[in-house]
Structures are given as C-alpha cells and as structure tokens.
PDB file of N, CA and C in Angstrom:
ATOM      1  N   MET A   1      24.362  72.392 -49.689  1.00  0.00           N
ATOM      2  CA  MET A   1      23.148  72.933 -50.218  1.00  0.00           C
ATOM      3  C   MET A   1      22.193  71.772 -50.474  1.00  0.00           C
ATOM      4  N   TRP A   2      20.966  71.950 -50.033  1.00  0.00           N
ATOM      5  CA  TRP A   2      19.923  70.949 -50.232  1.00  0.00           C
ATOM      6  C   TRP A   2      18.843  71.501 -51.151  1.00  0.00           C
ATOM      7  N   ASP A   3      18.260  70.634 -51.932  1.00  0.00           N
ATOM      8  CA  ASP A   3      17.095  70.978 -52.741  1.00  0.00           C
ATOM      9  C   ASP A   3      15.870  70.552 -51.944  1.00  0.00           C
ATOM     10  N   ARG A   4      15.117  71.507 -51.432  1.00  0.00           N
ATOM     11  CA  ARG A   4      13.970  71.191 -50.573  1.00  0.00           C
ATOM     12  C   ARG A   4      12.916  70.358 -51.287  1.00  0.00           C
ATOM     13  N   ARG A   5      12.899  70.398 -52.602  1.00  0.00           N
ATOM     14  CA  ARG A   5      11.915  69.607 -53.352  1.00  0.00           C
ATOM     15  C   ARG A   5      12.218  68.116 -53.269  1.00  0.00           C
ATOM     16  N   ASN A   6      13.456  67.754 -52.923  1.00  0.00           N
ATOM     17  CA  ASN A   6      13.868  66.347 -52.899  1.00  0.00           C
ATOM     18  C   ASN A   6      14.124  65.816 -51.496  1.00  0.00           C
ATOM     19  N   LEU A   7      13.572  66.456 -50.481  1.00  0.00           N
ATOM     20  CA  LEU A   7      13.752  65.973 -49.115  1.00  0.00           C
ATOM     21  C   LEU A   7      12.879  64.753 -48.874  1.00  0.00           C
ATOM     22  N   GLY A   8      13.392  63.823 -48.107  1.00  0.00           N
ATOM     23  CA  GLY A   8      12.638  62.627 -47.760  1.00  0.00           C
ATOM     24  C   GLY A   8      11.718  62.890 -46.586  1.00  0.00           C
ATOM     25  N   SER A   9      11.109  61.832 -46.089  1.00  0.00           N
ATOM     26  CA  SER A   9      10.232  61.983 -44.930  1.00  0.00           C
ATOM     27  C   SER A   9      11.052  62.455 -43.735  1.00  0.00           C
ATOM     28  N   GLY A  10      10.478  63.290 -42.925  1.00  0.00           N
ATOM     29  CA  GLY A  10      11.182  63.839 -41.773  1.00  0.00           C
ATOM     30  C   GLY A  10      12.097  64.997 -42.132  1.00  0.00           C
ATOM     31  N   GLY A  11      12.085  65.429 -43.385  1.00  0.00           N
ATOM     32  CA  GLY A  11      12.888  66.573 -43.793  1.00  0.00           C
ATOM     33  C   GLY A  11      14.349  66.268 -44.033  1.00  0.00           C
ATOM     34  N   ALA A  12      14.717  64.990 -44.116  1.00  0.00           N
ATOM     35  CA  ALA A  12      16.115  64.625 -44.346  1.00  0.00           C
ATOM     36  C   ALA A  12      16.356  64.400 -45.834  1.00  0.00           C
ATOM     37  N   GLY A  13      17.551  64.640 -46.254  1.00  0.00           N
ATOM     38  CA  GLY A  13      17.919  64.409 -47.641  1.00  0.00           C
ATOM     39  C   GLY A  13      19.419  64.502 -47.800  1.00  0.00           C
ATOM     40  N   SER A  14      19.881  64.242 -48.989  1.00  0.00           N
ATOM     41  CA  SER A  14      21.308  64.325 -49.278  1.00  0.00           C
ATOM     42  C   SER A  14      21.623  65.690 -49.881  1.00  0.00           C
ATOM     43  N   PRO A  15      22.744  66.280 -49.502  1.00  0.00           N
ATOM     44  CA  PRO A  15      23.093  67.572 -50.090  1.00  0.00           C
ATOM     45  C   PRO A  15      23.400  67.428 -51.579  1.00  0.00           C
ATOM     46  N   ILE A  16      23.075  68.468 -52.355  1.00  0.00           N
ATOM     47  CA  ILE A  16      23.400  68.441 -53.778  1.00  0.00           C
ATOM     48  C   ILE A  16      24.794  69.003 -54.030  1.00  0.00           C
ATOM     49  N   HIS A  17      25.305  69.804 -53.088  1.00  0.00           N
ATOM     50  CA  HIS A  17      26.678  70.300 -53.192  1.00  0.00           C
ATOM     51  C   HIS A  17      27.120  70.842 -51.834  1.00  0.00           C
ATOM     52  N   LYS A  18      28.386  70.652 -51.535  1.00  0.00           N
ATOM     53  CA  LYS A  18      28.983  71.205 -50.318  1.00  0.00           C
ATOM     54  C   LYS A  18      29.959  72.300 -50.745  1.00  0.00           C
ATOM     55  N   PHE A  19      29.661  73.530 -50.379  1.00  0.00           N
ATOM     56  CA  PHE A  19      30.503  74.663 -50.735  1.00  0.00           C
ATOM     57  C   PHE A  19      31.607  74.795 -49.696  1.00  0.00           C
ATOM     58  N   GLU A  20      32.851  74.718 -50.152  1.00  0.00           N
ATOM     59  CA  GLU A  20      33.995  74.764 -49.248  1.00  0.00           C
ATOM     60  C   GLU A  20      34.920  75.901 -49.657  1.00  0.00           C
ATOM     61  N   GLY A  21      34.998  76.921 -48.823  1.00  0.00           N
ATOM     62  CA  GLY A  21      35.854  78.043 -49.152  1.00  0.00           C
ATOM     63  C   GLY A  21      36.255  78.862 -47.942  1.00  0.00           C
ATOM     64  N   HIS A  22      35.817  78.447 -46.772  1.00  0.00           N
ATOM     65  CA  HIS A  22      36.187  79.133 -45.538  1.00  0.00           C
ATOM     66  C   HIS A  22      37.087  78.226 -44.706  1.00  0.00           C
ATOM     67  N   LYS A  23      37.943  78.850 -43.903  1.00  0.00           N
ATOM     68  CA  LYS A  23      38.855  78.102 -43.036  1.00  0.00           C
ATOM     69  C   LYS A  23      38.469  78.229 -41.574  1.00  0.00           C
ATOM     70  N   ALA A  24      37.289  78.763 -41.322  1.00  0.00           N
ATOM     71  CA  ALA A  24      36.772  78.914 -39.957  1.00  0.00           C
ATOM     72  C   ALA A  24      35.252  78.830 -40.026  1.00  0.00           C
ATOM     73  N   ALA A  25      34.629  78.909 -38.866  1.00  0.00           N
ATOM     74  CA  ALA A  25      33.171  78.769 -38.790  1.00  0.00           C
ATOM     75  C   ALA A  25      32.463  79.850 -39.606  1.00  0.00           C
ATOM     76  N   VAL A  26      31.463  79.429 -40.376  1.00  0.00           N
ATOM     77  CA  VAL A  26      30.640  80.361 -41.148  1.00  0.00           C
ATOM     78  C   VAL A  26      29.659  81.032 -40.195  1.00  0.00           C
ATOM     79  N   LEU A  27      29.583  82.354 -40.275  1.00  0.00           N
ATOM     80  CA  LEU A  27      28.725  83.129 -39.385  1.00  0.00           C
ATOM     81  C   LEU A  27      27.378  83.461 -40.011  1.00  0.00           C
ATOM     82  N   CYS A  28      27.360  83.631 -41.337  1.00  0.00           N
ATOM     83  CA  CYS A  28      26.131  84.086 -41.981  1.00  0.00           C
ATOM     84  C   CYS A  28      26.122  83.695 -43.456  1.00  0.00           C
ATOM     85  N   VAL A  29      24.932  83.414 -43.956  1.00  0.00           N
ATOM     86  CA  VAL A  29      24.710  83.159 -45.383  1.00  0.00           C
ATOM     87  C   VAL A  29      23.511  83.994 -45.798  1.00  0.00           C
ATOM     88  N   GLN A  30      23.630  84.676 -46.929  1.00  0.00           N
ATOM     89  CA  GLN A  30      22.547  85.545 -47.404  1.00  0.00           C
ATOM     90  C   GLN A  30      22.389  85.380 -48.913  1.00  0.00           C
ATOM     91  N   TRP A  31      21.161  85.111 -49.369  1.00  0.00           N
ATOM     92  CA  TRP A  31      20.874  84.987 -50.803  1.00  0.00           C
ATOM     93  C   TRP A  31      20.813  86.364 -51.441  1.00  0.00           C
ATOM     94  N   SER A  32      21.213  86.452 -52.698  1.00  0.00           N
ATOM     95  CA  SER A  32      21.132  87.697 -53.458  1.00  0.00           C
ATOM     96  C   SER A  32      19.678  88.028 -53.775  1.00  0.00           C
ATOM     97  N   PRO A  33      19.282  89.283 -53.621  1.00  0.00           N
ATOM     98  CA  PRO A  33      17.923  89.657 -54.003  1.00  0.00           C
ATOM     99  C   PRO A  33      17.772  89.807 -55.519  1.00  0.00           C
ATOM    100  N   ASP A  34      18.900  89.824 -56.244  1.00  0.00           N
ATOM    101  CA  ASP A  34      18.869  90.073 -57.682  1.00  0.00           C
ATOM    102  C   ASP A  34      19.026  88.835 -58.552  1.00  0.00           C
ATOM    103  N   LYS A  35      19.724  87.820 -58.061  1.00  0.00           N
ATOM    104  CA  LYS A  35      19.947  86.608 -58.855  1.00  0.00           C
ATOM    105  C   LYS A  35      19.784  85.398 -57.950  1.00  0.00           C
ATOM    106  N   ALA A  36      18.843  84.536 -58.278  1.00  0.00           N
ATOM    107  CA  ALA A  36      18.463  83.419 -57.410  1.00  0.00           C
ATOM    108  C   ALA A  36      19.581  82.414 -57.168  1.00  0.00           C
ATOM    109  N   SER A  37      20.566  82.332 -58.042  1.00  0.00           N
ATOM    110  CA  SER A  37      21.630  81.338 -57.877  1.00  0.00           C
ATOM    111  C   SER A  37      22.817  81.863 -57.077  1.00  0.00           C
ATOM    112  N   VAL A  38      22.795  83.115 -56.664  1.00  0.00           N
ATOM    113  CA  VAL A  38      23.946  83.740 -56.006  1.00  0.00           C
ATOM    114  C   VAL A  38      23.663  83.966 -54.521  1.00  0.00           C
ATOM    115  N   PHE A  39      24.662  83.659 -53.692  1.00  0.00           N
ATOM    116  CA  PHE A  39      24.574  83.937 -52.264  1.00  0.00           C
ATOM    117  C   PHE A  39      25.950  84.289 -51.728  1.00  0.00           C
ATOM    118  N   GLY A  40      25.959  84.952 -50.590  1.00  0.00           N
ATOM    119  CA  GLY A  40      27.204  85.319 -49.940  1.00  0.00           C
ATOM    120  C   GLY A  40      27.344  84.594 -48.619  1.00  0.00           C
ATOM    121  N   SER A  41      28.581  84.376 -48.207  1.00  0.00           N
ATOM    122  CA  SER A  41      28.844  83.770 -46.902  1.00  0.00           C
ATOM    123  C   SER A  41      29.991  84.524 -46.245  1.00  0.00           C
ATOM    124  N   SER A  42      29.883  84.699 -44.933  1.00  0.00           N
ATOM    125  CA  SER A  42      30.963  85.325 -44.176  1.00  0.00           C
ATOM    126  C   SER A  42      31.341  84.388 -43.037  1.00  0.00           C
ATOM    127  N   ALA A  43      32.596  84.499 -42.609  1.00  0.00           N
ATOM    128  CA  ALA A  43      33.083  83.557 -41.605  1.00  0.00           C
ATOM    129  C   ALA A  43      34.063  84.225 -40.656  1.00  0.00           C
ATOM    130  N   GLU A  44      34.405  83.493 -39.618  1.00  0.00           N
ATOM    131  CA  GLU A  44      35.379  83.964 -38.632  1.00  0.00           C
ATOM    132  C   GLU A  44      36.780  84.102 -39.218  1.00  0.00           C
ATOM    133  N   ASP A  45      37.011  83.586 -40.414  1.00  0.00           N
ATOM    134  CA  ASP A  45      38.322  83.712 -41.049  1.00  0.00           C
ATOM    135  C   ASP A  45      38.531  85.085 -41.691  1.00  0.00           C
ATOM    136  N   GLY A  46      37.494  85.958 -41.647  1.00  0.00           N
ATOM    137  CA  GLY A  46      37.605  87.293 -42.222  1.00  0.00           C
ATOM    138  C   GLY A  46      37.297  87.361 -43.703  1.00  0.00           C
ATOM    139  N   PHE A  47      36.894  86.246 -44.306  1.00  0.00           N
ATOM    140  CA  PHE A  47      36.586  86.220 -45.731  1.00  0.00           C
ATOM    141  C   PHE A  47      35.099  86.428 -45.972  1.00  0.00           C
ATOM    142  N   LEU A  48      34.792  87.127 -47.043  1.00  0.00           N
ATOM    143  CA  LEU A  48      33.439  87.245 -47.553  1.00  0.00           C
ATOM    144  C   LEU A  48      33.450  86.581 -48.922  1.00  0.00           C
ATOM    145  N   ASN A  49      32.732  85.484 -49.060  1.00  0.00           N
ATOM    146  CA  ASN A  49      32.680  84.751 -50.322  1.00  0.00           C
ATOM    147  C   ASN A  49      31.348  84.981 -51.009  1.00  0.00           C
ATOM    148  N   VAL A  50      31.390  85.172 -52.306  1.00  0.00           N
ATOM    149  CA  VAL A  50      30.181  85.252 -53.118  1.00  0.00           C
ATOM    150  C   VAL A  50      30.182  84.021 -54.012  1.00  0.00           C
ATOM    151  N   TRP A  51      29.103  83.260 -53.922  1.00  0.00           N
ATOM    152  CA  TRP A  51      28.982  81.980 -54.615  1.00  0.00           C
ATOM    153  C   TRP A  51      27.894  82.053 -55.679  1.00  0.00           C
ATOM    154  N   ASP A  52      28.047  81.261 -56.730  1.00  0.00           N
ATOM    155  CA  ASP A  52      27.008  81.102 -57.745  1.00  0.00           C
ATOM    156  C   ASP A  52      26.847  79.611 -57.977  1.00  0.00           C
ATOM    157  N   HIS A  53      25.755  79.035 -57.482  1.00  0.00           N
ATOM    158  CA  HIS A  53      25.615  77.581 -57.582  1.00  0.00           C
ATOM    159  C   HIS A  53      25.403  77.115 -59.019  1.00  0.00           C
ATOM    160  N   GLU A  54      25.103  78.030 -59.955  1.00  0.00           N
ATOM    161  CA  GLU A  54      25.027  77.646 -61.366  1.00  0.00           C
ATOM    162  C   GLU A  54      26.409  77.337 -61.929  1.00  0.00           C
ATOM    163  N   LYS A  55      27.467  77.789 -61.262  1.00  0.00           N
ATOM    164  CA  LYS A  55      28.832  77.548 -61.726  1.00  0.00           C
ATOM    165  C   LYS A  55      29.420  76.235 -61.209  1.00  0.00           C
ATOM    166  N   VAL A  56      28.721  75.557 -60.323  1.00  0.00           N
ATOM    167  CA  VAL A  56      29.198  74.272 -59.808  1.00  0.00           C
ATOM    168  C   VAL A  56      29.263  73.279 -60.963  1.00  0.00           C
ATOM    169  N   GLY A  57      30.374  72.586 -61.072  1.00  0.00           N
ATOM    170  CA  GLY A  57      30.555  71.609 -62.134  1.00  0.00           C
ATOM    171  C   GLY A  57      31.249  72.172 -63.360  1.00  0.00           C
ATOM    172  N   LYS A  58      31.391  73.481 -63.427  1.00  0.00           N
ATOM    173  CA  LYS A  58      32.111  74.105 -64.532  1.00  0.00           C
ATOM    174  C   LYS A  58      33.550  74.291 -64.104  1.00  0.00           C
ATOM    175  N   LYS A  59      34.476  73.923 -64.969  1.00  0.00           N
ATOM    176  CA  LYS A  59      35.891  73.950 -64.607  1.00  0.00           C
ATOM    177  C   LYS A  59      36.396  75.365 -64.362  1.00  0.00           C
ATOM    178  N   LYS A  60      37.071  75.512 -63.243  1.00  0.00           N
ATOM    179  CA  LYS A  60      37.770  76.744 -62.902  1.00  0.00           C
ATOM    180  C   LYS A  60      38.916  76.343 -61.983  1.00  0.00           C
ATOM    181  N   THR A  61      40.114  76.654 -62.370  1.00  0.00           N
ATOM    182  CA  THR A  61      41.268  76.247 -61.574  1.00  0.00           C
ATOM    183  C   THR A  61      41.504  77.201 -60.410  1.00  0.00           C
ATOM    184  N   ASN A  62      42.157  76.699 -59.405  1.00  0.00           N
ATOM    185  CA  ASN A  62      42.617  77.476 -58.249  1.00  0.00           C
ATOM    186  C   ASN A  62      41.523  78.077 -57.379  1.00  0.00           C
ATOM    187  N   SER A  63      40.302  77.584 -57.460  1.00  0.00           N
ATOM    188  CA  SER A  63      39.262  78.071 -56.556  1.00  0.00           C
ATOM    189  C   SER A  63      38.237  76.973 -56.322  1.00  0.00           C
ATOM    190  N   PRO A  64      37.556  77.010 -55.180  1.00  0.00           N
ATOM    191  CA  PRO A  64      36.524  76.011 -54.908  1.00  0.00           C
ATOM    192  C   PRO A  64      35.374  76.103 -55.910  1.00  0.00           C
ATOM    193  N   ALA A  65      34.718  74.989 -56.152  1.00  0.00           N
ATOM    194  CA  ALA A  65      33.599  74.946 -57.100  1.00  0.00           C
ATOM    195  C   ALA A  65      32.502  75.914 -56.686  1.00  0.00           C
ATOM    196  N   GLY A  66      32.060  76.738 -57.620  1.00  0.00           N
ATOM    197  CA  GLY A  66      30.981  77.673 -57.371  1.00  0.00           C
ATOM    198  C   GLY A  66      31.408  79.018 -56.821  1.00  0.00           C
ATOM    199  N   LEU A  67      32.687  79.162 -56.444  1.00  0.00           N
ATOM    200  CA  LEU A  67      33.137  80.441 -55.889  1.00  0.00           C
ATOM    201  C   LEU A  67      33.226  81.470 -57.005  1.00  0.00           C
ATOM    202  N   PHE A  68      32.485  82.556 -56.851  1.00  0.00           N
ATOM    203  CA  PHE A  68      32.418  83.615 -57.851  1.00  0.00           C
ATOM    204  C   PHE A  68      33.390  84.743 -57.510  1.00  0.00           C
ATOM    205  N   PHE A  69      33.486  85.075 -56.218  1.00  0.00           N
ATOM    206  CA  PHE A  69      34.328  86.178 -55.766  1.00  0.00           C
ATOM    207  C   PHE A  69      34.674  85.962 -54.300  1.00  0.00           C
ATOM    208  N   GLN A  70      35.892  86.361 -53.914  1.00  0.00           N
ATOM    209  CA  GLN A  70      36.279  86.285 -52.505  1.00  0.00           C
ATOM    210  C   GLN A  70      36.955  87.588 -52.101  1.00  0.00           C
ATOM    211  N   HIS A  71      36.414  88.220 -51.069  1.00  0.00           N
ATOM    212  CA  HIS A  71      37.019  89.427 -50.508  1.00  0.00           C
ATOM    213  C   HIS A  71      37.771  89.014 -49.250  1.00  0.00           C
ATOM    214  N   ALA A  72      39.054  89.321 -49.214  1.00  0.00           N
ATOM    215  CA  ALA A  72      39.882  88.858 -48.110  1.00  0.00           C
ATOM    216  C   ALA A  72      40.602  89.998 -47.401  1.00  0.00           C
ATOM    217  N   GLY A  73      40.042  91.176 -47.447  1.00  0.00           N
ATOM    218  CA  GLY A  73      40.740  92.323 -46.901  1.00  0.00           C
ATOM    219  C   GLY A  73      40.540  92.591 -45.429  1.00  0.00           C
ATOM    220  N   HIS A  74      39.745  91.797 -44.743  1.00  0.00           N
ATOM    221  CA  HIS A  74      39.465  92.060 -43.329  1.00  0.00           C
ATOM    222  C   HIS A  74      40.316  91.185 -42.422  1.00  0.00           C
ATOM    223  N   ARG A  75      40.672  91.734 -41.275  1.00  0.00           N
ATOM    224  CA  ARG A  75      41.439  90.967 -40.294  1.00  0.00           C
ATOM    225  C   ARG A  75      40.564  90.473 -39.159  1.00  0.00           C
ATOM    226  N   CYS A  76      39.338  90.951 -39.102  1.00  0.00           N
ATOM    227  CA  CYS A  76      38.395  90.548 -38.065  1.00  0.00           C
ATOM    228  C   CYS A  76      37.256  89.782 -38.717  1.00  0.00           C
ATOM    229  N   THR A  77      36.321  89.318 -37.912  1.00  0.00           N
ATOM    230  CA  THR A  77      35.167  88.614 -38.463  1.00  0.00           C
ATOM    231  C   THR A  77      34.348  89.555 -39.334  1.00  0.00           C
ATOM    232  N   VAL A  78      33.620  88.971 -40.288  1.00  0.00           N
ATOM    233  CA  VAL A  78      32.832  89.755 -41.236  1.00  0.00           C
ATOM    234  C   VAL A  78      31.377  89.328 -41.138  1.00  0.00           C
ATOM    235  N   PRO A  79      30.564  90.005 -40.321  1.00  0.00           N
ATOM    236  CA  PRO A  79      29.139  89.677 -40.284  1.00  0.00           C
ATOM    237  C   PRO A  79      28.414  90.409 -41.408  1.00  0.00           C
ATOM    238  N   ILE A  80      27.550  89.697 -42.164  1.00  0.00           N
ATOM    239  CA  ILE A  80      26.809  90.359 -43.231  1.00  0.00           C
ATOM    240  C   ILE A  80      25.310  90.283 -43.011  1.00  0.00           C
ATOM    241  N   CYS A  81      24.872  89.659 -41.930  1.00  0.00           N
ATOM    242  CA  CYS A  81      23.439  89.521 -41.679  1.00  0.00           C
ATOM    243  C   CYS A  81      22.988  90.534 -40.641  1.00  0.00           C
ATOM    244  N   ASN A  82      21.737  90.888 -40.748  1.00  0.00           N
ATOM    245  CA  ASN A  82      21.152  91.803 -39.765  1.00  0.00           C
ATOM    246  C   ASN A  82      20.723  91.058 -38.536  1.00  0.00           C
TER     247      ASN A  82
END
C-alpha cells in the first residue's frame, strides 16, 4: 500500500505496508464504500480477504497484519470485481 501524498518525482515511493495473506496471484482489490480503511482482495488461491489498514501495527496472533476476515470456502478462483 502506498500513500499517494508521499510519492516522489515520477510517481515512485516506498510502500507504507505490504499486505500478505494470499498464497497465489491476487486477482482483484476493491475498497469498501462504507469505511475508508477497509478493502477486500481475492486471489487464485480461492480466498477472499477483508483487510483494515487501521489495524496494521496492532497485535493479533495467528493472522497477517491488518487481516480483518478471511473467507476460505471456495475451491475455485474468487473474482470480486466487475
């Protein structure tokens, strides 16, 4: 995740956090229309992850930083974008 306000010349910058929770290529990312800090990601691993970047840095055992919810009931890819 990058903060666009802190990009250098040419649009390059350092990420503020790397969200790691999929074991295959991510197919889609979609921001929540209701809460600005929440987004979902789907991947070829069949997982749908819901992330909250406000939770990054807060201790939570047994899950990646920022992971709010993970749905793992699918055996096929999970596309969530139109």
